[in-house]
Amino acid sequence: MSATDAISPEELGRLYDEHAAAVHRLAFSLLAQQQEAEDLTHDVFLRLQRGGYNSDRGSIRNYLLLLTRSMSLNRLNQHNNRRRILQWFLPSRQQHEPIDLHAIEAQINLEEAMTQLSQREQQILAMNYREEISQSTIAATLNLPLGTVKTISRRALLKLRHALTTKGQIRS
């Protein structure tokens, strides 16, 4: 029988009768669950029926046992991956950081103060502090003189300081 030969239902039945017990024993020894071993035995013989066995490469028994081992390991890996993914999302497993209400309030006040700045001031501060771009690179990117970028940045920071000081966020 070669890889291209179709397996007749009678031949598949005969092979099943001869080798199913060995396939099941190996599957059970690897999976340690009766139902899983039975399902895998069925799947191994379905795979055999679809083709892939080449008699030039070894006996049918060796092929079936190698296929059983390979498919068992695949199933174990799938189960382990699913378990890891599920554990990641279990509420009891997640470590929650305590909520820092002061930091949230400070962030809200800063966002509110930022709206008082011009679009250009917001852009320069965002590039400098959020994106961590140097002032010289900002100047080159925006096609502005470096001194202008520094002046706009300083003016914007003073406006923010004033807005946050009046809110009580910063002590003078």
C-alpha atoms as a PDB file:
ATOM      1  CA  MET A   1       0.000   0.000   0.000  1.00  0.00           C
ATOM      2  CA  SER A   2       1.492   3.383  -0.999  1.00  0.00           C
ATOM      3  CA  ALA A   3       0.529   6.962  -0.139  1.00  0.00           C
ATOM      4  CA  THR A   4      -1.568   7.241  -3.274  1.00  0.00           C
ATOM      5  CA  ASP A   5      -3.545   4.040  -2.711  1.00  0.00           C
ATOM      6  CA  ALA A   6      -7.069   4.540  -1.463  1.00  0.00           C
ATOM      7  CA  ILE A   7      -8.030   2.455   1.545  1.00  0.00           C
ATOM      8  CA  SER A   8     -11.251   0.555   1.046  1.00  0.00           C
ATOM      9  CA  PRO A   9     -13.769   0.404   3.900  1.00  0.00           C
ATOM     10  CA  GLU A  10     -13.058  -3.314   4.269  1.00  0.00           C
ATOM     11  CA  GLU A  11      -9.302  -2.717   4.507  1.00  0.00           C
ATOM     12  CA  LEU A  12      -9.845   0.108   7.008  1.00  0.00           C
ATOM     13  CA  GLY A  13     -12.026  -2.210   9.110  1.00  0.00           C
ATOM     14  CA  ARG A  14      -9.367  -4.909   9.049  1.00  0.00           C
ATOM     15  CA  LEU A  15      -6.627  -2.437  10.031  1.00  0.00           C
ATOM     16  CA  TYR A  16      -8.816  -1.077  12.798  1.00  0.00           C
ATOM     17  CA  ASP A  17      -9.426  -4.579  14.178  1.00  0.00           C
ATOM     18  CA  GLU A  18      -5.688  -5.349  14.102  1.00  0.00           C
ATOM     19  CA  HIS A  19      -4.278  -2.099  15.472  1.00  0.00           C
ATOM     20  CA  ALA A  20      -6.969  -0.169  17.379  1.00  0.00           C
ATOM     21  CA  ALA A  21      -6.061  -1.720  20.734  1.00  0.00           C
ATOM     22  CA  ALA A  22      -2.388  -0.676  20.411  1.00  0.00           C
ATOM     23  CA  VAL A  23      -3.341   2.803  19.226  1.00  0.00           C
ATOM     24  CA  HIS A  24      -5.795   3.182  22.126  1.00  0.00           C
ATOM     25  CA  ARG A  25      -3.240   1.972  24.715  1.00  0.00           C
ATOM     26  CA  LEU A  26      -0.673   4.473  23.516  1.00  0.00           C
ATOM     27  CA  ALA A  27      -3.232   7.290  23.364  1.00  0.00           C
ATOM     28  CA  PHE A  28      -4.427   6.502  26.892  1.00  0.00           C
ATOM     29  CA  SER A  29      -0.872   6.331  28.242  1.00  0.00           C
ATOM     30  CA  LEU A  30      -0.181   9.798  26.835  1.00  0.00           C
ATOM     31  CA  LEU A  31      -3.523  11.515  27.468  1.00  0.00           C
ATOM     32  CA  ALA A  32      -4.530   9.710  30.693  1.00  0.00           C
ATOM     33  CA  GLN A  33      -8.241  10.109  29.940  1.00  0.00           C
ATOM     34  CA  GLN A  34     -10.431   7.349  28.553  1.00  0.00           C
ATOM     35  CA  GLN A  35     -12.696   9.566  26.459  1.00  0.00           C
ATOM     36  CA  GLU A  36      -9.756  11.487  24.991  1.00  0.00           C
ATOM     37  CA  ALA A  37      -8.000   8.223  24.114  1.00  0.00           C
ATOM     38  CA  GLU A  38     -11.118   6.889  22.382  1.00  0.00           C
ATOM     39  CA  ASP A  39     -11.587  10.127  20.438  1.00  0.00           C
ATOM     40  CA  LEU A  40      -7.957  10.124  19.390  1.00  0.00           C
ATOM     41  CA  THR A  41      -8.105   6.476  18.276  1.00  0.00           C
ATOM     42  CA  HIS A  42     -11.035   7.385  16.058  1.00  0.00           C
ATOM     43  CA  ASP A  43      -9.189  10.435  14.683  1.00  0.00           C
ATOM     44  CA  VAL A  44      -6.051   8.403  13.917  1.00  0.00           C
ATOM     45  CA  PHE A  45      -8.017   5.984  11.763  1.00  0.00           C
ATOM     46  CA  LEU A  46      -9.835   8.845  10.049  1.00  0.00           C
ATOM     47  CA  ARG A  47      -6.450  10.322   9.197  1.00  0.00           C
ATOM     48  CA  LEU A  48      -5.334   6.938   7.866  1.00  0.00           C
ATOM     49  CA  GLN A  49      -8.421   6.768   5.661  1.00  0.00           C
ATOM     50  CA  ARG A  50      -7.650  10.217   4.206  1.00  0.00           C
ATOM     51  CA  GLY A  51      -4.214   9.004   3.130  1.00  0.00           C
ATOM     52  CA  GLY A  52      -0.636   9.671   4.027  1.00  0.00           C
ATOM     53  CA  TYR A  53       0.646   6.179   4.753  1.00  0.00           C
ATOM     54  CA  ASN A  54       3.538   5.072   2.580  1.00  0.00           C
ATOM     55  CA  SER A  55       4.491   1.393   2.895  1.00  0.00           C
ATOM     56  CA  ASP A  56       7.985   2.174   1.610  1.00  0.00           C
ATOM     57  CA  ARG A  57       8.702   4.107   4.823  1.00  0.00           C
ATOM     58  CA  GLY A  58       7.731   1.444   7.339  1.00  0.00           C
ATOM     59  CA  SER A  59       5.009  -0.802   8.662  1.00  0.00           C
ATOM     60  CA  ILE A  60       1.416   0.302   9.091  1.00  0.00           C
ATOM     61  CA  ARG A  61       1.649  -0.361  12.847  1.00  0.00           C
ATOM     62  CA  ASN A  62       4.671   1.944  13.226  1.00  0.00           C
ATOM     63  CA  TYR A  63       2.904   4.606  11.155  1.00  0.00           C
ATOM     64  CA  LEU A  64      -0.247   4.391  13.294  1.00  0.00           C
ATOM     65  CA  LEU A  65       1.712   4.552  16.570  1.00  0.00           C
ATOM     66  CA  LEU A  66       3.810   7.476  15.363  1.00  0.00           C
ATOM     67  CA  LEU A  67       0.648   9.244  14.225  1.00  0.00           C
ATOM     68  CA  THR A  68      -0.983   8.513  17.592  1.00  0.00           C
ATOM     69  CA  ARG A  69       1.981   9.932  19.480  1.00  0.00           C
ATOM     70  CA  SER A  70       2.108  13.035  17.313  1.00  0.00           C
ATOM     71  CA  MET A  71      -1.632  13.712  17.541  1.00  0.00           C
ATOM     72  CA  SER A  72      -1.590  13.087  21.328  1.00  0.00           C
ATOM     73  CA  LEU A  73       1.175  15.613  21.842  1.00  0.00           C
ATOM     74  CA  ASN A  74      -0.697  18.122  19.690  1.00  0.00           C
ATOM     75  CA  ARG A  75      -3.803  17.681  21.843  1.00  0.00           C
ATOM     76  CA  LEU A  76      -1.833  18.056  25.057  1.00  0.00           C
ATOM     77  CA  ASN A  77      -0.264  21.258  23.748  1.00  0.00           C
ATOM     78  CA  GLN A  78      -3.674  22.600  22.738  1.00  0.00           C
ATOM     79  CA  HIS A  79      -5.102  21.816  26.188  1.00  0.00           C
ATOM     80  CA  ASN A  80      -2.134  23.469  27.910  1.00  0.00           C
ATOM     81  CA  ASN A  81      -2.440  26.567  25.720  1.00  0.00           C
ATOM     82  CA  ARG A  82      -6.166  26.837  26.404  1.00  0.00           C
ATOM     83  CA  ARG A  83      -5.599  26.413  30.132  1.00  0.00           C
ATOM     84  CA  ARG A  84      -2.956  29.156  30.157  1.00  0.00           C
ATOM     85  CA  ILE A  85      -5.214  31.509  28.227  1.00  0.00           C
ATOM     86  CA  LEU A  86      -8.166  30.828  30.519  1.00  0.00           C
ATOM     87  CA  GLN A  87      -6.048  31.318  33.635  1.00  0.00           C
ATOM     88  CA  TRP A  88      -4.925  34.663  32.321  1.00  0.00           C
ATOM     89  CA  PHE A  89      -8.540  35.856  32.211  1.00  0.00           C
ATOM     90  CA  LEU A  90      -9.788  34.353  35.469  1.00  0.00           C
ATOM     91  CA  PRO A  91     -10.827  37.203  37.782  1.00  0.00           C
ATOM     92  CA  SER A  92      -9.382  35.495  40.854  1.00  0.00           C
ATOM     93  CA  ARG A  93      -5.969  35.191  39.165  1.00  0.00           C
ATOM     94  CA  GLN A  94      -5.634  38.800  38.139  1.00  0.00           C
ATOM     95  CA  GLN A  95      -3.636  41.081  40.349  1.00  0.00           C
ATOM     96  CA  HIS A  96      -5.367  44.425  40.499  1.00  0.00           C
ATOM     97  CA  GLU A  97      -3.358  47.482  41.310  1.00  0.00           C
ATOM     98  CA  PRO A  98      -5.036  49.691  43.878  1.00  0.00           C
ATOM     99  CA  ILE A  99      -6.774  52.629  42.275  1.00  0.00           C
ATOM    100  CA  ASP A 100      -4.959  55.893  42.941  1.00  0.00           C
ATOM    101  CA  LEU A 101      -7.780  58.426  42.996  1.00  0.00           C
ATOM    102  CA  HIS A 102      -5.366  61.321  43.484  1.00  0.00           C
ATOM    103  CA  ALA A 103      -3.468  60.368  40.321  1.00  0.00           C
ATOM    104  CA  ILE A 104      -6.738  60.081  38.399  1.00  0.00           C
ATOM    105  CA  GLU A 105      -7.867  63.479  39.642  1.00  0.00           C
ATOM    106  CA  ALA A 106      -4.480  64.999  38.764  1.00  0.00           C
ATOM    107  CA  GLN A 107      -4.707  63.504  35.259  1.00  0.00           C
ATOM    108  CA  ILE A 108      -8.209  64.930  34.776  1.00  0.00           C
ATOM    109  CA  ASN A 109      -7.081  68.361  35.971  1.00  0.00           C
ATOM    110  CA  LEU A 110      -4.061  68.264  33.670  1.00  0.00           C
ATOM    111  CA  GLU A 111      -6.232  67.305  30.687  1.00  0.00           C
ATOM    112  CA  GLU A 112      -8.593  70.139  31.566  1.00  0.00           C
ATOM    113  CA  ALA A 113      -5.709  72.608  31.866  1.00  0.00           C
ATOM    114  CA  MET A 114      -4.300  71.445  28.519  1.00  0.00           C
ATOM    115  CA  THR A 115      -7.519  72.529  26.793  1.00  0.00           C
ATOM    116  CA  GLN A 116      -6.704  76.120  27.789  1.00  0.00           C
ATOM    117  CA  LEU A 117      -3.536  76.028  25.682  1.00  0.00           C
ATOM    118  CA  SER A 118      -3.363  76.863  21.990  1.00  0.00           C
ATOM    119  CA  GLN A 119      -3.187  74.067  19.447  1.00  0.00           C
ATOM    120  CA  ARG A 120       0.500  74.837  18.778  1.00  0.00           C
ATOM    121  CA  GLU A 121       1.322  74.799  22.524  1.00  0.00           C
ATOM    122  CA  GLN A 122      -0.476  71.471  22.976  1.00  0.00           C
ATOM    123  CA  GLN A 123       1.341  70.010  19.981  1.00  0.00           C
ATOM    124  CA  ILE A 124       4.798  71.046  21.192  1.00  0.00           C
ATOM    125  CA  LEU A 125       4.210  69.825  24.756  1.00  0.00           C
ATOM    126  CA  ALA A 126       2.799  66.516  23.500  1.00  0.00           C
ATOM    127  CA  MET A 127       5.778  65.963  21.228  1.00  0.00           C
ATOM    128  CA  ASN A 128       8.243  66.911  23.966  1.00  0.00           C
ATOM    129  CA  TYR A 129       6.736  65.123  26.969  1.00  0.00           C
ATOM    130  CA  ARG A 130       4.521  62.323  25.648  1.00  0.00           C
ATOM    131  CA  GLU A 131       6.571  61.300  22.646  1.00  0.00           C
ATOM    132  CA  GLU A 132       9.864  62.333  24.262  1.00  0.00           C
ATOM    133  CA  ILE A 133      11.079  64.212  21.213  1.00  0.00           C
ATOM    134  CA  SER A 134      13.826  66.759  21.799  1.00  0.00           C
ATOM    135  CA  GLN A 135      13.106  70.438  21.265  1.00  0.00           C
ATOM    136  CA  SER A 136      15.636  70.645  18.436  1.00  0.00           C
ATOM    137  CA  THR A 137      13.905  67.765  16.629  1.00  0.00           C
ATOM    138  CA  ILE A 138      10.521  69.413  17.234  1.00  0.00           C
ATOM    139  CA  ALA A 139      11.879  72.639  15.729  1.00  0.00           C
ATOM    140  CA  ALA A 140      13.115  70.775  12.657  1.00  0.00           C
ATOM    141  CA  THR A 141       9.860  68.807  12.321  1.00  0.00           C
ATOM    142  CA  LEU A 142       7.612  71.863  12.625  1.00  0.00           C
ATOM    143  CA  ASN A 143       9.984  74.061  10.598  1.00  0.00           C
ATOM    144  CA  LEU A 144      10.321  76.556  13.449  1.00  0.00           C
ATOM    145  CA  PRO A 145      13.397  78.197  14.963  1.00  0.00           C
ATOM    146  CA  LEU A 146      14.635  76.408  18.100  1.00  0.00           C
ATOM    147  CA  GLY A 147      14.218  79.584  20.163  1.00  0.00           C
ATOM    148  CA  THR A 148      10.549  79.783  19.164  1.00  0.00           C
ATOM    149  CA  VAL A 149       9.943  76.173  20.219  1.00  0.00           C
ATOM    150  CA  LYS A 150      11.618  76.846  23.558  1.00  0.00           C
ATOM    151  CA  THR A 151       9.584  80.034  24.098  1.00  0.00           C
ATOM    152  CA  ILE A 152       6.289  78.342  23.217  1.00  0.00           C
ATOM    153  CA  SER A 153       7.141  75.388  25.463  1.00  0.00           C
ATOM    154  CA  ARG A 154       8.082  77.607  28.406  1.00  0.00           C
ATOM    155  CA  ARG A 155       4.958  79.783  27.987  1.00  0.00           C
ATOM    156  CA  ALA A 156       2.746  76.674  27.824  1.00  0.00           C
ATOM    157  CA  LEU A 157       4.322  75.193  30.958  1.00  0.00           C
ATOM    158  CA  LEU A 158       3.754  78.468  32.832  1.00  0.00           C
ATOM    159  CA  LYS A 159       0.100  78.484  31.735  1.00  0.00           C
ATOM    160  CA  LEU A 160      -0.302  74.895  32.920  1.00  0.00           C
ATOM    161  CA  ARG A 161       1.353  75.703  36.237  1.00  0.00           C
ATOM    162  CA  HIS A 162      -0.961  78.663  36.764  1.00  0.00           C
ATOM    163  CA  ALA A 163      -4.071  76.616  35.878  1.00  0.00           C
ATOM    164  CA  LEU A 164      -3.057  73.751  38.189  1.00  0.00           C
ATOM    165  CA  THR A 165      -2.047  76.094  41.029  1.00  0.00           C
ATOM    166  CA  THR A 166      -5.477  77.708  41.006  1.00  0.00           C
ATOM    167  CA  LYS A 167      -7.012  74.197  41.153  1.00  0.00           C
ATOM    168  CA  GLY A 168      -4.852  73.356  44.163  1.00  0.00           C
ATOM    169  CA  GLN A 169      -2.898  70.673  42.303  1.00  0.00           C
ATOM    170  CA  ILE A 170       0.458  72.435  42.615  1.00  0.00           C
ATOM    171  CA  ARG A 171       1.698  74.338  45.627  1.00  0.00           C
ATOM    172  CA  SER A 172       3.634  77.474  44.776  1.00  0.00           C
END
